[in-house]
Amino acid sequence: MEEIIGQKGYQNHYCDNMPTEGIAVIYSDPYEVGEKKQWWLYMYEEATEEDVEEFEAEEVGEILSNYEIPITFCPFCGIDLRNIKITCI
């Protein structure tokens, strides 16, 4: 997920209630097609050593599956994301 988090043009929301793995709340144009940016809940699964050993992935950390859901409120802390100052370009 590192390829999305922290890239120019993206902004992350972090809160104490958010899981530390497999979840990200990001302001972006996820398909990079020039559409209006908005907040998204990203859920993803990264490959483990076991996945590599079972030939489900080529390397540890590879994204095996991911889902994007447009959101306006953080599902973990309840903050209205529309009120967050956007600082990404």
N, C-alpha and C. Protein backbone atom coordinates (compact mmCIF):
# COMPACT_ATOMS: atom_id res chain seq x y z
N MET A 1 0.83 -1.20 0.00
CA MET A 1 0.00 0.00 0.00
C MET A 1 0.86 1.25 0.00
N GLU A 2 2.12 1.10 0.23
CA GLU A 2 3.03 2.24 0.28
C GLU A 2 3.02 3.03 -1.03
N GLU A 3 2.68 2.37 -2.16
CA GLU A 3 2.70 3.08 -3.44
C GLU A 3 1.61 4.13 -3.51
N ILE A 4 0.58 4.05 -2.68
CA ILE A 4 -0.47 5.06 -2.66
C ILE A 4 -0.25 6.04 -1.52
N ILE A 5 0.01 5.53 -0.34
CA ILE A 5 0.15 6.39 0.83
C ILE A 5 1.38 7.27 0.67
N GLY A 6 1.19 8.55 0.83
CA GLY A 6 2.29 9.49 0.79
C GLY A 6 2.67 10.01 -0.58
N GLN A 7 2.02 9.57 -1.62
CA GLN A 7 2.34 10.08 -2.95
C GLN A 7 1.80 11.50 -3.11
N LYS A 8 2.44 12.26 -3.98
CA LYS A 8 1.96 13.61 -4.29
C LYS A 8 0.53 13.52 -4.82
N GLY A 9 -0.32 14.39 -4.34
CA GLY A 9 -1.70 14.40 -4.79
C GLY A 9 -2.63 13.57 -3.93
N TYR A 10 -2.09 12.96 -2.90
CA TYR A 10 -2.89 12.14 -1.99
C TYR A 10 -2.78 12.71 -0.58
N GLN A 11 -3.82 12.53 0.20
CA GLN A 11 -3.77 12.94 1.60
C GLN A 11 -4.42 11.85 2.44
N ASN A 12 -3.77 11.50 3.53
CA ASN A 12 -4.27 10.46 4.42
C ASN A 12 -4.95 11.06 5.63
N HIS A 13 -5.90 10.33 6.16
CA HIS A 13 -6.51 10.65 7.46
C HIS A 13 -6.11 9.52 8.40
N TYR A 14 -5.60 9.90 9.56
CA TYR A 14 -5.24 8.92 10.59
C TYR A 14 -6.02 9.23 11.85
N CYS A 15 -6.42 8.20 12.58
CA CYS A 15 -7.06 8.40 13.88
C CYS A 15 -6.72 7.21 14.77
N ASP A 16 -6.91 7.39 16.06
CA ASP A 16 -6.52 6.37 17.03
C ASP A 16 -7.32 5.07 16.91
N ASN A 17 -8.53 5.14 16.43
CA ASN A 17 -9.39 3.96 16.34
C ASN A 17 -9.16 3.13 15.08
N MET A 18 -8.38 3.64 14.14
CA MET A 18 -8.16 2.97 12.86
C MET A 18 -7.23 1.77 13.03
N PRO A 19 -7.56 0.64 12.42
CA PRO A 19 -6.64 -0.51 12.46
C PRO A 19 -5.30 -0.13 11.83
N THR A 20 -4.24 -0.77 12.27
CA THR A 20 -2.91 -0.43 11.77
C THR A 20 -2.54 -1.16 10.48
N GLU A 21 -3.30 -2.18 10.11
CA GLU A 21 -3.01 -2.92 8.88
C GLU A 21 -4.27 -3.14 8.06
N GLY A 22 -4.12 -3.08 6.75
CA GLY A 22 -5.20 -3.43 5.86
C GLY A 22 -6.25 -2.37 5.62
N ILE A 23 -6.05 -1.18 6.19
CA ILE A 23 -7.03 -0.10 6.06
C ILE A 23 -6.31 1.21 5.83
N ALA A 24 -6.87 2.05 4.98
CA ALA A 24 -6.38 3.42 4.81
C ALA A 24 -7.56 4.30 4.44
N VAL A 25 -7.56 5.53 4.94
CA VAL A 25 -8.55 6.53 4.57
C VAL A 25 -7.77 7.61 3.82
N ILE A 26 -8.07 7.74 2.53
CA ILE A 26 -7.25 8.58 1.65
C ILE A 26 -8.12 9.49 0.80
N TYR A 27 -7.68 10.74 0.65
CA TYR A 27 -8.30 11.70 -0.26
C TYR A 27 -7.54 11.60 -1.57
N SER A 28 -8.24 11.19 -2.64
CA SER A 28 -7.55 10.98 -3.91
C SER A 28 -8.53 10.80 -5.06
N ASP A 29 -7.95 10.67 -6.22
CA ASP A 29 -8.64 10.19 -7.42
C ASP A 29 -8.07 8.78 -7.62
N PRO A 30 -8.69 7.76 -7.04
CA PRO A 30 -8.06 6.44 -6.98
C PRO A 30 -7.77 5.80 -8.33
N TYR A 31 -8.50 6.17 -9.33
CA TYR A 31 -8.30 5.55 -10.64
C TYR A 31 -7.42 6.42 -11.53
N GLU A 32 -7.00 7.58 -11.00
CA GLU A 32 -6.10 8.50 -11.70
C GLU A 32 -6.56 8.78 -13.12
N VAL A 33 -7.84 9.10 -13.24
CA VAL A 33 -8.40 9.40 -14.56
C VAL A 33 -8.84 10.86 -14.66
N GLY A 34 -8.38 11.67 -13.71
CA GLY A 34 -8.70 13.08 -13.76
C GLY A 34 -10.05 13.45 -13.18
N GLU A 35 -10.68 12.53 -12.48
CA GLU A 35 -11.95 12.84 -11.84
C GLU A 35 -11.71 13.64 -10.57
N LYS A 36 -12.77 14.24 -10.07
CA LYS A 36 -12.68 15.01 -8.84
C LYS A 36 -12.23 14.10 -7.70
N LYS A 37 -11.28 14.59 -6.91
CA LYS A 37 -10.80 13.81 -5.77
C LYS A 37 -11.86 13.81 -4.68
N GLN A 38 -11.85 12.73 -3.90
CA GLN A 38 -12.75 12.61 -2.77
C GLN A 38 -12.12 11.66 -1.76
N TRP A 39 -12.77 11.51 -0.60
CA TRP A 39 -12.28 10.60 0.43
C TRP A 39 -12.73 9.18 0.14
N TRP A 40 -11.81 8.23 0.35
CA TRP A 40 -12.06 6.82 0.10
C TRP A 40 -11.60 5.99 1.29
N LEU A 41 -12.34 4.95 1.58
CA LEU A 41 -11.90 3.93 2.52
C LEU A 41 -11.28 2.82 1.68
N TYR A 42 -9.98 2.60 1.86
CA TYR A 42 -9.28 1.53 1.17
C TYR A 42 -9.13 0.36 2.12
N MET A 43 -9.51 -0.81 1.68
CA MET A 43 -9.30 -2.04 2.42
C MET A 43 -8.46 -2.94 1.52
N TYR A 44 -7.39 -3.47 2.07
CA TYR A 44 -6.50 -4.26 1.24
C TYR A 44 -5.87 -5.39 2.04
N GLU A 45 -5.42 -6.41 1.32
CA GLU A 45 -4.74 -7.55 1.91
C GLU A 45 -3.37 -7.67 1.27
N GLU A 46 -2.34 -7.69 2.09
CA GLU A 46 -0.98 -7.84 1.60
C GLU A 46 -0.52 -9.29 1.74
N ALA A 47 0.31 -9.72 0.81
CA ALA A 47 0.82 -11.09 0.82
C ALA A 47 1.77 -11.31 1.99
N THR A 48 1.67 -12.49 2.57
CA THR A 48 2.56 -12.92 3.64
C THR A 48 3.59 -13.91 3.08
N GLU A 49 4.51 -14.33 3.93
CA GLU A 49 5.48 -15.34 3.51
C GLU A 49 4.77 -16.63 3.09
N GLU A 50 3.72 -16.96 3.80
CA GLU A 50 2.94 -18.16 3.47
C GLU A 50 2.32 -18.05 2.08
N ASP A 51 1.82 -16.86 1.71
CA ASP A 51 1.25 -16.66 0.37
C ASP A 51 2.31 -16.86 -0.70
N VAL A 52 3.53 -16.39 -0.45
CA VAL A 52 4.62 -16.56 -1.42
C VAL A 52 4.97 -18.04 -1.54
N GLU A 53 5.07 -18.73 -0.40
CA GLU A 53 5.40 -20.16 -0.41
C GLU A 53 4.34 -20.97 -1.15
N GLU A 54 3.09 -20.54 -1.08
CA GLU A 54 1.99 -21.25 -1.75
C GLU A 54 1.73 -20.73 -3.16
N PHE A 55 2.63 -19.88 -3.67
CA PHE A 55 2.57 -19.32 -5.02
C PHE A 55 1.33 -18.46 -5.25
N GLU A 56 0.78 -17.88 -4.18
CA GLU A 56 -0.34 -16.95 -4.30
C GLU A 56 0.16 -15.54 -4.62
N ALA A 57 1.46 -15.29 -4.38
CA ALA A 57 2.06 -13.99 -4.62
C ALA A 57 3.53 -14.18 -4.95
N GLU A 58 4.11 -13.15 -5.56
CA GLU A 58 5.53 -13.22 -5.92
C GLU A 58 6.42 -12.71 -4.80
N GLU A 59 5.91 -11.78 -3.98
CA GLU A 59 6.72 -11.25 -2.90
C GLU A 59 5.86 -10.82 -1.72
N VAL A 60 6.44 -10.82 -0.54
CA VAL A 60 5.75 -10.39 0.67
C VAL A 60 5.41 -8.91 0.53
N GLY A 61 4.20 -8.55 0.92
CA GLY A 61 3.77 -7.16 0.84
C GLY A 61 3.00 -6.83 -0.43
N GLU A 62 3.03 -7.71 -1.41
CA GLU A 62 2.27 -7.51 -2.65
C GLU A 62 0.78 -7.44 -2.30
N ILE A 63 0.05 -6.57 -2.97
CA ILE A 63 -1.38 -6.45 -2.72
C ILE A 63 -2.11 -7.62 -3.39
N LEU A 64 -2.81 -8.41 -2.56
CA LEU A 64 -3.55 -9.55 -3.08
C LEU A 64 -4.97 -9.16 -3.48
N SER A 65 -5.58 -8.28 -2.70
CA SER A 65 -6.91 -7.80 -3.02
C SER A 65 -7.09 -6.42 -2.41
N ASN A 66 -7.93 -5.63 -3.03
CA ASN A 66 -8.21 -4.30 -2.48
C ASN A 66 -9.60 -3.85 -2.91
N TYR A 67 -10.17 -3.02 -2.06
CA TYR A 67 -11.50 -2.47 -2.30
C TYR A 67 -11.48 -1.01 -1.94
N GLU A 68 -12.21 -0.19 -2.69
CA GLU A 68 -12.33 1.24 -2.42
C GLU A 68 -13.80 1.58 -2.27
N ILE A 69 -14.11 2.32 -1.22
CA ILE A 69 -15.48 2.75 -0.98
C ILE A 69 -15.46 4.26 -0.75
N PRO A 70 -16.22 5.05 -1.50
CA PRO A 70 -16.25 6.49 -1.25
C PRO A 70 -16.93 6.76 0.09
N ILE A 71 -16.35 7.67 0.87
CA ILE A 71 -16.91 7.98 2.19
C ILE A 71 -16.89 9.49 2.43
N THR A 72 -17.70 9.96 3.36
CA THR A 72 -17.67 11.36 3.78
C THR A 72 -17.34 11.48 5.27
N PHE A 73 -17.51 10.38 6.01
CA PHE A 73 -17.17 10.35 7.44
C PHE A 73 -16.20 9.21 7.68
N CYS A 74 -15.26 9.40 8.59
CA CYS A 74 -14.35 8.32 8.95
C CYS A 74 -15.14 7.27 9.72
N PRO A 75 -15.10 6.01 9.28
CA PRO A 75 -15.86 4.97 9.99
C PRO A 75 -15.25 4.60 11.33
N PHE A 76 -14.09 5.12 11.65
CA PHE A 76 -13.40 4.76 12.89
C PHE A 76 -13.51 5.82 13.98
N CYS A 77 -13.54 7.09 13.59
CA CYS A 77 -13.65 8.16 14.60
C CYS A 77 -14.88 9.03 14.40
N GLY A 78 -15.53 8.92 13.24
CA GLY A 78 -16.76 9.65 12.99
C GLY A 78 -16.59 11.08 12.49
N ILE A 79 -15.37 11.55 12.32
CA ILE A 79 -15.14 12.92 11.86
C ILE A 79 -15.69 13.11 10.45
N ASP A 80 -16.26 14.28 10.21
CA ASP A 80 -16.76 14.64 8.88
C ASP A 80 -15.55 15.01 8.03
N LEU A 81 -15.17 14.15 7.12
CA LEU A 81 -13.97 14.35 6.31
C LEU A 81 -14.09 15.55 5.37
N ARG A 82 -15.31 15.97 5.09
CA ARG A 82 -15.52 17.13 4.22
C ARG A 82 -15.03 18.41 4.88
N ASN A 83 -14.82 18.38 6.20
CA ASN A 83 -14.36 19.56 6.93
C ASN A 83 -12.85 19.59 7.16
N ILE A 84 -12.14 18.59 6.68
CA ILE A 84 -10.69 18.55 6.84
C ILE A 84 -10.05 19.40 5.77
N LYS A 85 -9.08 20.21 6.18
CA LYS A 85 -8.36 21.06 5.23
C LYS A 85 -7.51 20.16 4.32
N ILE A 86 -7.68 20.30 3.03
CA ILE A 86 -6.95 19.50 2.07
C ILE A 86 -5.65 20.22 1.75
N THR A 87 -4.53 19.52 1.95
CA THR A 87 -3.23 20.12 1.72
C THR A 87 -2.48 19.49 0.56
N CYS A 88 -3.00 18.40 0.01
CA CYS A 88 -2.31 17.75 -1.11
C CYS A 88 -2.55 18.55 -2.39
N ILE A 89 -1.64 18.39 -3.32
CA ILE A 89 -1.75 19.10 -4.61
C ILE A 89 -2.48 18.24 -5.60
